[in-house]
PDB file of N, CA and C in Angstrom:
ATOM      1  N   UNK A   1       0.816  23.526 -10.196  1.00  0.00           N
ATOM      2  CA  UNK A   1       1.095  22.095 -10.461  1.00  0.00           C
ATOM      3  C   UNK A   1       2.743  21.912 -10.205  1.00  0.00           C
ATOM      4  N   UNK A   2       3.872  22.842 -11.670  1.00  0.00           N
ATOM      5  CA  UNK A   2       4.577  22.625 -11.432  1.00  0.00           C
ATOM      6  C   UNK A   2       6.400  23.212 -10.516  1.00  0.00           C
ATOM      7  N   UNK A   3       5.458  24.448  -9.331  1.00  0.00           N
ATOM      8  CA  UNK A   3       6.505  24.913  -8.865  1.00  0.00           C
ATOM      9  C   UNK A   3       6.278  23.935  -7.767  1.00  0.00           C
ATOM     10  N   UNK A   4       5.391  22.864  -7.669  1.00  0.00           N
ATOM     11  CA  UNK A   4       5.324  21.401  -5.732  1.00  0.00           C
ATOM     12  C   UNK A   4       6.580  20.633  -7.097  1.00  0.00           C
ATOM     13  N   UNK A   5       5.865  20.535  -8.384  1.00  0.00           N
ATOM     14  CA  UNK A   5       6.878  19.392  -8.730  1.00  0.00           C
ATOM     15  C   UNK A   5       8.857  19.674  -8.625  1.00  0.00           C
ATOM     16  N   UNK A   6       8.676  21.171  -9.644  1.00  0.00           N
ATOM     17  CA  UNK A   6      10.023  21.753  -8.763  1.00  0.00           C
ATOM     18  C   UNK A   6      10.470  22.275  -7.476  1.00  0.00           C
ATOM     19  N   UNK A   7       9.668  22.147  -6.531  1.00  0.00           N
ATOM     20  CA  UNK A   7      10.212  21.791  -5.297  1.00  0.00           C
ATOM     21  C   UNK A   7      10.601  19.969  -4.538  1.00  0.00           C
ATOM     22  N   UNK A   8       9.612  18.729  -4.767  1.00  0.00           N
ATOM     23  CA  UNK A   8      10.095  17.731  -4.907  1.00  0.00           C
ATOM     24  C   UNK A   8      11.208  17.891  -5.360  1.00  0.00           C
ATOM     25  N   UNK A   9      11.696  18.062  -6.992  1.00  0.00           N
ATOM     26  CA  UNK A   9      12.500  17.629  -7.924  1.00  0.00           C
ATOM     27  C   UNK A   9      13.739  18.450  -6.979  1.00  0.00           C
ATOM     28  N   UNK A  10      13.695  19.381  -5.651  1.00  0.00           N
ATOM     29  CA  UNK A  10      14.811  19.995  -5.114  1.00  0.00           C
ATOM     30  C   UNK A  10      15.233  19.242  -4.065  1.00  0.00           C
ATOM     31  N   UNK A  11      14.292  18.886  -3.238  1.00  0.00           N
ATOM     32  CA  UNK A  11      13.507  17.804  -2.644  1.00  0.00           C
ATOM     33  C   UNK A  11      14.667  16.606  -2.256  1.00  0.00           C
ATOM     34  N   UNK A  12      14.760  15.975  -3.342  1.00  0.00           N
ATOM     35  CA  UNK A  12      14.852  14.368  -3.959  1.00  0.00           C
ATOM     36  C   UNK A  12      16.630  14.595  -4.848  1.00  0.00           C
ATOM     37  N   UNK A  13      17.194  15.986  -4.734  1.00  0.00           N
ATOM     38  CA  UNK A  13      18.418  16.360  -5.939  1.00  0.00           C
ATOM     39  C   UNK A  13      19.858  16.191  -4.492  1.00  0.00           C
ATOM     40  N   UNK A  14      19.371  16.768  -3.846  1.00  0.00           N
ATOM     41  CA  UNK A  14      19.832  16.090  -2.699  1.00  0.00           C
ATOM     42  C   UNK A  14      20.398  14.874  -2.265  1.00  0.00           C
ATOM     43  N   UNK A  15      20.032  13.888  -2.870  1.00  0.00           N
ATOM     44  CA  UNK A  15      19.481  12.447  -2.369  1.00  0.00           C
ATOM     45  C   UNK A  15      19.829  11.577  -3.419  1.00  0.00           C
ATOM     46  N   UNK A  16      19.627  11.941  -3.875  1.00  0.00           N
ATOM     47  CA  UNK A  16      19.328  11.170  -5.942  1.00  0.00           C
ATOM     48  C   UNK A  16      21.002  10.770  -6.243  1.00  0.00           C
ATOM     49  N   UNK A  17      20.519   9.695  -6.410  1.00  0.00           N
ATOM     50  CA  UNK A  17      21.355   8.800  -7.295  1.00  0.00           C
ATOM     51  C   UNK A  17      21.169   8.551  -9.166  1.00  0.00           C
ATOM     52  N   UNK A  18      22.419   9.654  -9.537  1.00  0.00           N
ATOM     53  CA  UNK A  18      21.587   9.426 -11.675  1.00  0.00           C
ATOM     54  C   UNK A  18      21.909   7.966 -11.975  1.00  0.00           C
ATOM     55  N   UNK A  19      20.761   7.659 -12.614  1.00  0.00           N
ATOM     56  CA  UNK A  19      20.469   5.657 -13.492  1.00  0.00           C
ATOM     57  C   UNK A  19      20.457   6.319 -14.948  1.00  0.00           C
ATOM     58  N   UNK A  20      20.886   5.356 -15.270  1.00  0.00           N
ATOM     59  CA  UNK A  20      21.047   5.534 -16.944  1.00  0.00           C
ATOM     60  C   UNK A  20      20.257   3.804 -17.061  1.00  0.00           C
ATOM     61  N   UNK A  21      18.947   3.800 -17.677  1.00  0.00           N
ATOM     62  CA  UNK A  21      17.900   2.420 -18.054  1.00  0.00           C
ATOM     63  C   UNK A  21      17.907   2.283 -19.374  1.00  0.00           C
ATOM     64  N   UNK A  22      17.826   0.983 -20.184  1.00  0.00           N
ATOM     65  CA  UNK A  22      17.178   1.157 -21.714  1.00  0.00           C
ATOM     66  C   UNK A  22      15.700   0.481 -21.636  1.00  0.00           C
ATOM     67  N   UNK A  23      15.268   0.980 -22.073  1.00  0.00           N
ATOM     68  CA  UNK A  23      13.291   1.187 -22.002  1.00  0.00           C
ATOM     69  C   UNK A  23      12.553   0.337 -23.392  1.00  0.00           C
ATOM     70  N   UNK A  24      11.663  -0.798 -23.610  1.00  0.00           N
ATOM     71  CA  UNK A  24      11.637  -1.156 -24.926  1.00  0.00           C
ATOM     72  C   UNK A  24      10.408   1.167 -25.089  1.00  0.00           C
ATOM     73  N   UNK A  25      11.195   1.015 -26.574  1.00  0.00           N
ATOM     74  CA  UNK A  25       9.336   1.391 -27.518  1.00  0.00           C
ATOM     75  C   UNK A  25       8.322   1.270 -26.819  1.00  0.00           C
ATOM     76  N   UNK A  26       7.166   0.368 -26.472  1.00  0.00           N
ATOM     77  CA  UNK A  26       6.291   0.143 -25.685  1.00  0.00           C
ATOM     78  C   UNK A  26       5.730   0.400 -24.479  1.00  0.00           C
ATOM     79  N   UNK A  27       7.199   0.541 -23.957  1.00  0.00           N
ATOM     80  CA  UNK A  27       7.434   0.695 -22.005  1.00  0.00           C
ATOM     81  C   UNK A  27       7.455   3.114 -22.261  1.00  0.00           C
ATOM     82  N   UNK A  28       8.264   2.424 -23.226  1.00  0.00           N
ATOM     83  CA  UNK A  28       7.957   5.334 -22.739  1.00  0.00           C
ATOM     84  C   UNK A  28       7.682   5.032 -23.717  1.00  0.00           C
ATOM     85  N   UNK A  29       5.482   4.309 -24.404  1.00  0.00           N
ATOM     86  CA  UNK A  29       4.519   4.924 -23.872  1.00  0.00           C
ATOM     87  C   UNK A  29       3.628   5.028 -23.278  1.00  0.00           C
ATOM     88  N   UNK A  30       4.250   3.692 -22.645  1.00  0.00           N
ATOM     89  CA  UNK A  30       3.372   3.413 -21.635  1.00  0.00           C
ATOM     90  C   UNK A  30       3.708   4.102 -19.928  1.00  0.00           C
ATOM     91  N   UNK A  31       4.626   4.863 -19.923  1.00  0.00           N
ATOM     92  CA  UNK A  31       4.738   5.562 -19.101  1.00  0.00           C
ATOM     93  C   UNK A  31       5.239   6.587 -19.653  1.00  0.00           C
ATOM     94  N   UNK A  32       4.933   7.433 -20.262  1.00  0.00           N
ATOM     95  CA  UNK A  32       4.381   8.237 -20.616  1.00  0.00           C
ATOM     96  C   UNK A  32       2.960   8.273 -20.231  1.00  0.00           C
ATOM     97  N   UNK A  33       2.132   8.232 -21.224  1.00  0.00           N
ATOM     98  CA  UNK A  33       0.693   7.709 -21.296  1.00  0.00           C
ATOM     99  C   UNK A  33       0.458   7.689 -18.834  1.00  0.00           C
ATOM    100  N   UNK A  34       1.051   7.197 -18.615  1.00  0.00           N
ATOM    101  CA  UNK A  34       0.857   6.487 -16.984  1.00  0.00           C
ATOM    102  C   UNK A  34       1.801   8.245 -16.398  1.00  0.00           C
ATOM    103  N   UNK A  35       2.383   8.102 -15.798  1.00  0.00           N
ATOM    104  CA  UNK A  35       2.438  10.116 -15.507  1.00  0.00           C
ATOM    105  C   UNK A  35       2.443  10.832 -16.090  1.00  0.00           C
ATOM    106  N   UNK A  36       1.221  10.688 -17.403  1.00  0.00           N
ATOM    107  CA  UNK A  36       0.242  12.374 -18.055  1.00  0.00           C
ATOM    108  C   UNK A  36      -0.623  12.025 -17.238  1.00  0.00           C
ATOM    109  N   UNK A  37      -1.360  11.186 -17.098  1.00  0.00           N
ATOM    110  CA  UNK A  37      -2.290  10.703 -15.858  1.00  0.00           C
ATOM    111  C   UNK A  37      -2.667  10.988 -14.411  1.00  0.00           C
ATOM    112  N   UNK A  38      -0.968  10.899 -13.679  1.00  0.00           N
ATOM    113  CA  UNK A  38      -0.612  10.714 -12.309  1.00  0.00           C
ATOM    114  C   UNK A  38      -0.822  12.765 -12.331  1.00  0.00           C
ATOM    115  N   UNK A  39      -0.161  12.892 -13.367  1.00  0.00           N
ATOM    116  CA  UNK A  39       0.053  14.566 -13.388  1.00  0.00           C
ATOM    117  C   UNK A  39       2.094  14.707 -12.832  1.00  0.00           C
ATOM    118  N   UNK A  40       2.480  14.019 -13.058  1.00  0.00           N
ATOM    119  CA  UNK A  40       3.564  13.747 -12.430  1.00  0.00           C
ATOM    120  C   UNK A  40       4.813  12.942 -12.692  1.00  0.00           C
ATOM    121  N   UNK A  41       6.087  13.254 -12.512  1.00  0.00           N
ATOM    122  CA  UNK A  41       7.151  13.617 -14.766  1.00  0.00           C
ATOM    123  C   UNK A  41       7.253  11.515 -14.441  1.00  0.00           C
ATOM    124  N   UNK A  42       8.354  11.352 -15.776  1.00  0.00           N
ATOM    125  CA  UNK A  42       8.580  10.344 -15.793  1.00  0.00           C
ATOM    126  C   UNK A  42       9.277   9.384 -14.930  1.00  0.00           C
ATOM    127  N   UNK A  43       9.936   9.614 -14.211  1.00  0.00           N
ATOM    128  CA  UNK A  43      11.038   9.531 -13.747  1.00  0.00           C
ATOM    129  C   UNK A  43      10.352   9.494 -11.443  1.00  0.00           C
ATOM    130  N   UNK A  44       9.614   9.854 -11.843  1.00  0.00           N
ATOM    131  CA  UNK A  44       8.885  10.378  -9.874  1.00  0.00           C
ATOM    132  C   UNK A  44       8.391   8.472 -10.393  1.00  0.00           C
ATOM    133  N   UNK A  45       7.619   9.134 -11.890  1.00  0.00           N
ATOM    134  CA  UNK A  45       6.780   7.247 -11.420  1.00  0.00           C
ATOM    135  C   UNK A  45       7.407   5.748 -11.624  1.00  0.00           C
ATOM    136  N   UNK A  46       9.028   5.867 -12.193  1.00  0.00           N
ATOM    137  CA  UNK A  46      10.381   5.517 -11.903  1.00  0.00           C
ATOM    138  C   UNK A  46      10.219   4.603 -11.131  1.00  0.00           C
ATOM    139  N   UNK A  47      10.736   5.871  -9.913  1.00  0.00           N
ATOM    140  CA  UNK A  47      11.147   5.863  -7.972  1.00  0.00           C
ATOM    141  C   UNK A  47      10.068   5.182  -8.103  1.00  0.00           C
ATOM    142  N   UNK A  48       8.777   5.490  -7.942  1.00  0.00           N
ATOM    143  CA  UNK A  48       7.381   4.511  -7.387  1.00  0.00           C
ATOM    144  C   UNK A  48       7.405   2.928  -7.925  1.00  0.00           C
ATOM    145  N   UNK A  49       7.720   3.161  -8.853  1.00  0.00           N
ATOM    146  CA  UNK A  49       7.573   1.511  -9.443  1.00  0.00           C
ATOM    147  C   UNK A  49       8.636   1.121  -8.144  1.00  0.00           C
ATOM    148  N   UNK A  50       9.621   1.122  -8.367  1.00  0.00           N
ATOM    149  CA  UNK A  50      10.604   0.580  -7.936  1.00  0.00           C
ATOM    150  C   UNK A  50      10.514   0.422  -6.234  1.00  0.00           C
ATOM    151  N   UNK A  51      10.213   1.565  -5.746  1.00  0.00           N
ATOM    152  CA  UNK A  51       9.844   1.636  -4.430  1.00  0.00           C
ATOM    153  C   UNK A  51       8.672   0.059  -4.370  1.00  0.00           C
ATOM    154  N   UNK A  52       7.706  -0.232  -5.084  1.00  0.00           N
ATOM    155  CA  UNK A  52       6.653  -0.718  -5.365  1.00  0.00           C
ATOM    156  C   UNK A  52       6.725  -1.984  -5.496  1.00  0.00           C
ATOM    157  N   UNK A  53       7.418  -2.305  -6.061  1.00  0.00           N
ATOM    158  CA  UNK A  53       7.887  -3.453  -6.767  1.00  0.00           C
ATOM    159  C   UNK A  53       9.201  -3.904  -5.679  1.00  0.00           C
ATOM    160  N   UNK A  54       9.764  -3.097  -5.668  1.00  0.00           N
ATOM    161  CA  UNK A  54      11.533  -3.925  -4.690  1.00  0.00           C
ATOM    162  C   UNK A  54      10.653  -3.267  -2.726  1.00  0.00           C
ATOM    163  N   UNK A  55      10.616  -3.518  -3.120  1.00  0.00           N
ATOM    164  CA  UNK A  55      10.109  -3.025  -1.439  1.00  0.00           C
ATOM    165  C   UNK A  55      10.473  -2.290  -0.448  1.00  0.00           C
ATOM    166  N   UNK A  56      10.867  -0.820  -1.158  1.00  0.00           N
ATOM    167  CA  UNK A  56      11.406  -0.156  -0.348  1.00  0.00           C
ATOM    168  C   UNK A  56      11.310   1.040   0.075  1.00  0.00           C
ATOM    169  N   UNK A  57      11.852   0.963   1.241  1.00  0.00           N
ATOM    170  CA  UNK A  57      10.828   2.376   1.718  1.00  0.00           C
ATOM    171  C   UNK A  57       9.718   3.034   2.340  1.00  0.00           C
ATOM    172  N   UNK A  58       9.292   3.367   3.209  1.00  0.00           N
ATOM    173  CA  UNK A  58       7.923   2.848   3.517  1.00  0.00           C
ATOM    174  C   UNK A  58       7.474   1.629   3.280  1.00  0.00           C
ATOM    175  N   UNK A  59       7.116   1.084   2.493  1.00  0.00           N
ATOM    176  CA  UNK A  59       6.915  -0.450   2.220  1.00  0.00           C
ATOM    177  C   UNK A  59       7.987  -1.235   3.010  1.00  0.00           C
ATOM    178  N   UNK A  60       8.953  -1.638   3.608  1.00  0.00           N
ATOM    179  CA  UNK A  60      10.094  -2.008   4.632  1.00  0.00           C
ATOM    180  C   UNK A  60       9.872  -1.638   5.292  1.00  0.00           C
ATOM    181  N   UNK A  61       9.005  -0.956   6.134  1.00  0.00           N
ATOM    182  CA  UNK A  61       8.218  -0.708   7.760  1.00  0.00           C
ATOM    183  C   UNK A  61       7.497  -2.180   7.896  1.00  0.00           C
ATOM    184  N   UNK A  62       6.879  -2.376   7.517  1.00  0.00           N
ATOM    185  CA  UNK A  62       6.063  -3.733   7.203  1.00  0.00           C
ATOM    186  C   UNK A  62       6.472  -4.893   8.441  1.00  0.00           C
ATOM    187  N   UNK A  63       5.720  -4.344   9.494  1.00  0.00           N
ATOM    188  CA  UNK A  63       6.122  -6.284   9.997  1.00  0.00           C
ATOM    189  C   UNK A  63       5.480  -7.591  10.522  1.00  0.00           C
ATOM    190  N   UNK A  64       5.615  -8.317   9.209  1.00  0.00           N
ATOM    191  CA  UNK A  64       5.154  -9.555   8.600  1.00  0.00           C
ATOM    192  C   UNK A  64       4.368  -9.912  10.205  1.00  0.00           C
ATOM    193  N   UNK A  65       5.666  -9.957  11.166  1.00  0.00           N
ATOM    194  CA  UNK A  65       5.596 -10.870  12.737  1.00  0.00           C
ATOM    195  C   UNK A  65       3.753 -10.971  12.584  1.00  0.00           C
ATOM    196  N   UNK A  66       3.804  -9.339  13.157  1.00  0.00           N
ATOM    197  CA  UNK A  66       3.064  -8.177  13.929  1.00  0.00           C
ATOM    198  C   UNK A  66       1.335  -8.745  12.531  1.00  0.00           C
ATOM    199  N   UNK A  67       1.827  -8.982  11.507  1.00  0.00           N
ATOM    200  CA  UNK A  67       0.568  -8.768  10.735  1.00  0.00           C
ATOM    201  C   UNK A  67      -0.078 -10.247  11.290  1.00  0.00           C
ATOM    202  N   UNK A  68       0.878 -11.472  11.188  1.00  0.00           N
ATOM    203  CA  UNK A  68      -0.630 -12.208  11.208  1.00  0.00           C
ATOM    204  C   UNK A  68      -0.141 -12.577  12.758  1.00  0.00           C
ATOM    205  N   UNK A  69      -0.325 -12.027  14.001  1.00  0.00           N
ATOM    206  CA  UNK A  69      -0.118 -12.343  14.404  1.00  0.00           C
ATOM    207  C   UNK A  69      -1.887 -11.423  14.166  1.00  0.00           C
ATOM    208  N   UNK A  70      -1.309 -10.487  13.882  1.00  0.00           N
ATOM    209  CA  UNK A  70      -3.050  -9.817  14.286  1.00  0.00           C
ATOM    210  C   UNK A  70      -4.019 -10.620  13.700  1.00  0.00           C
ATOM    211  N   UNK A  71      -3.499 -11.705  12.260  1.00  0.00           N
ATOM    212  CA  UNK A  71      -4.487 -12.429  11.136  1.00  0.00           C
ATOM    213  C   UNK A  71      -5.150 -13.696  12.344  1.00  0.00           C
ATOM    214  N   UNK A  72      -4.306 -14.140  13.010  1.00  0.00           N
ATOM    215  CA  UNK A  72      -4.944 -15.113  14.681  1.00  0.00           C
ATOM    216  C   UNK A  72      -5.583 -14.636  15.206  1.00  0.00           C
ATOM    217  N   UNK A  73      -5.391 -13.121  15.510  1.00  0.00           N
ATOM    218  CA  UNK A  73      -6.511 -13.185  16.663  1.00  0.00           C
ATOM    219  C   UNK A  73      -8.036 -12.643  15.998  1.00  0.00           C
ATOM    220  N   UNK A  74      -8.280 -11.717  14.778  1.00  0.00           N
ATOM    221  CA  UNK A  74      -8.724 -11.530  13.927  1.00  0.00           C
ATOM    222  C   UNK A  74      -9.889 -12.523  14.058  1.00  0.00           C
ATOM    223  N   UNK A  75      -9.436 -14.565  13.202  1.00  0.00           N
ATOM    224  CA  UNK A  75      -9.443 -15.279  12.907  1.00  0.00           C
ATOM    225  C   UNK A  75     -10.361 -15.263  14.356  1.00  0.00           C
ATOM    226  N   UNK A  76      -9.146 -15.650  16.116  1.00  0.00           N
ATOM    227  CA  UNK A  76      -9.654 -15.900  16.615  1.00  0.00           C
ATOM    228  C   UNK A  76     -11.079 -15.502  17.069  1.00  0.00           C
ATOM    229  N   UNK A  77     -11.348 -14.025  16.861  1.00  0.00           N
ATOM    230  CA  UNK A  77     -12.679 -12.907  17.067  1.00  0.00           C
ATOM    231  C   UNK A  77     -13.467 -13.794  15.885  1.00  0.00           C
ATOM    232  N   UNK A  78     -13.401 -13.846  14.991  1.00  0.00           N
ATOM    233  CA  UNK A  78     -14.610 -14.599  14.098  1.00  0.00           C
ATOM    234  C   UNK A  78     -14.531 -16.478  15.108  1.00  0.00           C
ATOM    235  N   UNK A  79     -14.268 -17.668  14.856  1.00  0.00           N
ATOM    236  CA  UNK A  79     -14.310 -18.787  15.777  1.00  0.00           C
ATOM    237  C   UNK A  79     -15.205 -18.668  16.827  1.00  0.00           C
ATOM    238  N   UNK A  80     -14.586 -17.320  17.843  1.00  0.00           N
ATOM    239  CA  UNK A  80     -15.453 -16.965  19.382  1.00  0.00           C
ATOM    240  C   UNK A  80     -16.874 -16.903  18.658  1.00  0.00           C
ATOM    241  N   UNK A  81     -17.208 -15.829  18.129  1.00  0.00           N
ATOM    242  CA  UNK A  81     -18.692 -16.094  17.738  1.00  0.00           C
ATOM    243  C   UNK A  81     -18.965 -16.740  17.535  1.00  0.00           C
ATOM    244  N   UNK A  82     -18.285 -17.720  16.138  1.00  0.00           N
ATOM    245  CA  UNK A  82     -19.306 -18.768  15.717  1.00  0.00           C
ATOM    246  C   UNK A  82     -20.137 -19.820  16.788  1.00  0.00           C
ATOM    247  N   UNK A  83     -18.671 -19.837  17.783  1.00  0.00           N
ATOM    248  CA  UNK A  83     -18.549 -21.361  18.683  1.00  0.00           C
ATOM    249  C   UNK A  83     -19.806 -20.586  19.176  1.00  0.00           C
ATOM    250  N   UNK A  84     -20.587 -19.155  19.587  1.00  0.00           N
ATOM    251  CA  UNK A  84     -21.187 -18.491  20.553  1.00  0.00           C
ATOM    252  C   UNK A  84     -22.676 -18.253  19.922  1.00  0.00           C
ATOM    253  N   UNK A  85     -22.694 -19.156  18.504  1.00  0.00           N
ATOM    254  CA  UNK A  85     -23.772 -19.182  17.764  1.00  0.00           C
ATOM    255  C   UNK A  85     -23.811 -17.517  17.837  1.00  0.00           C
ATOM    256  N   UNK A  86     -23.014 -16.645  17.376  1.00  0.00           N
ATOM    257  CA  UNK A  86     -23.199 -15.032  16.526  1.00  0.00           C
ATOM    258  C   UNK A  86     -23.008 -15.132  15.979  1.00  0.00           C
ATOM    259  N   UNK A  87     -22.761 -15.814  14.600  1.00  0.00           N
ATOM    260  CA  UNK A  87     -22.488 -15.804  13.301  1.00  0.00           C
ATOM    261  C   UNK A  87     -23.824 -15.582  12.875  1.00  0.00           C
ATOM    262  N   UNK A  88     -23.108 -14.518  11.868  1.00  0.00           N
ATOM    263  CA  UNK A  88     -24.878 -13.554  10.006  1.00  0.00           C
ATOM    264  C   UNK A  88     -25.525 -14.325  10.542  1.00  0.00           C
ATOM    265  N   UNK A  89     -26.538 -13.900  10.398  1.00  0.00           N
ATOM    266  CA  UNK A  89     -27.390 -14.490  10.196  1.00  0.00           C
ATOM    267  C   UNK A  89     -28.592 -13.323   8.732  1.00  0.00           C
ATOM    268  N   UNK A  90     -28.490 -13.774   7.435  1.00  0.00           N
ATOM    269  CA  UNK A  90     -29.482 -13.060   7.017  1.00  0.00           C
ATOM    270  C   UNK A  90     -28.645 -11.533   6.089  1.00  0.00           C
ATOM    271  N   UNK A  91     -27.343 -12.059   6.659  1.00  0.00           N
ATOM    272  CA  UNK A  91     -26.371 -11.366   6.046  1.00  0.00           C
ATOM    273  C   UNK A  91     -25.916  -9.782   6.983  1.00  0.00           C
ATOM    274  N   UNK A  92     -26.877  -9.744   7.839  1.00  0.00           N
ATOM    275  CA  UNK A  92     -26.736  -8.898   9.095  1.00  0.00           C
ATOM    276  C   UNK A  92     -25.799  -9.460  10.766  1.00  0.00           C
ATOM    277  N   UNK A  93     -24.808  -9.335  12.014  1.00  0.00           N
ATOM    278  CA  UNK A  93     -24.697 -10.187  12.886  1.00  0.00           C
ATOM    279  C   UNK A  93     -25.414  -9.402  13.574  1.00  0.00           C
ATOM    280  N   UNK A  94     -25.856 -11.148  14.351  1.00  0.00           N
ATOM    281  CA  UNK A  94     -26.672 -10.569  15.471  1.00  0.00           C
ATOM    282  C   UNK A  94     -25.755 -11.087  16.851  1.00  0.00           C
ATOM    283  N   UNK A  95     -23.991 -10.446  16.979  1.00  0.00           N
ATOM    284  CA  UNK A  95     -23.896 -10.417  17.988  1.00  0.00           C
ATOM    285  C   UNK A  95     -23.362  -8.198  17.676  1.00  0.00           C
ATOM    286  N   UNK A  96     -23.033  -7.869  19.943  1.00  0.00           N
ATOM    287  CA  UNK A  96     -22.802  -6.714  19.880  1.00  0.00           C
ATOM    288  C   UNK A  96     -21.638  -6.413  20.355  1.00  0.00           C
ATOM    289  N   UNK A  97     -20.671  -5.673  19.519  1.00  0.00           N
ATOM    290  CA  UNK A  97     -19.983  -5.808  19.417  1.00  0.00           C
ATOM    291  C   UNK A  97     -18.512  -5.762  21.176  1.00  0.00           C
ATOM    292  N   UNK A  98     -19.077  -5.394  22.443  1.00  0.00           N
ATOM    293  CA  UNK A  98     -19.280  -5.652  23.716  1.00  0.00           C
ATOM    294  C   UNK A  98     -19.434  -7.104  24.216  1.00  0.00           C
ATOM    295  N   UNK A  99     -19.440  -7.657  23.589  1.00  0.00           N
ATOM    296  CA  UNK A  99     -20.025  -9.424  23.454  1.00  0.00           C
ATOM    297  C   UNK A  99     -18.360  -9.603  23.518  1.00  0.00           C
ATOM    298  N   UNK A 100     -17.765  -9.909  22.725  1.00  0.00           N
ATOM    299  CA  UNK A 100     -16.669 -10.076  22.587  1.00  0.00           C
ATOM    300  C   UNK A 100     -15.596  -9.379  23.747  1.00  0.00           C
ATOM    301  N   UNK A 101     -15.967  -8.939  24.555  1.00  0.00           N
ATOM    302  CA  UNK A 101     -15.070  -7.707  25.413  1.00  0.00           C
ATOM    303  C   UNK A 101     -14.066  -8.779  26.681  1.00  0.00           C
ATOM    304  N   UNK A 102     -13.417  -8.877  27.078  1.00  0.00           N
ATOM    305  CA  UNK A 102     -12.957  -9.725  28.434  1.00  0.00           C
ATOM    306  C   UNK A 102     -12.309  -8.056  28.762  1.00  0.00           C
ATOM    307  N   UNK A 103     -13.061  -8.391  30.477  1.00  0.00           N
ATOM    308  CA  UNK A 103     -13.663  -7.392  32.067  1.00  0.00           C
ATOM    309  C   UNK A 103     -12.518  -7.956  32.678  1.00  0.00           C
TER     310      UNK A 103
END
């Protein structure tokens, strides 16, 4: 485990920028506990939290316009099922997937 952490550390050092922050004592306890539970360093946990909170890194690749378009498509398919009387009955669908494809 430590070898993998060291390899990850070496990869990060080349592009890492050192920051110093002050945290409250209760935050320190939570940080230590969570890092230990996940088997990662406290620094890695802080980096992951920053990425998740600030939506940087992988998260910035999200295309919300594409998601809205997909969501509209999904809703239209659901409505099409209701129009054709193919809604769920008894918790099970009554339609086959190929019935909704356009030829």
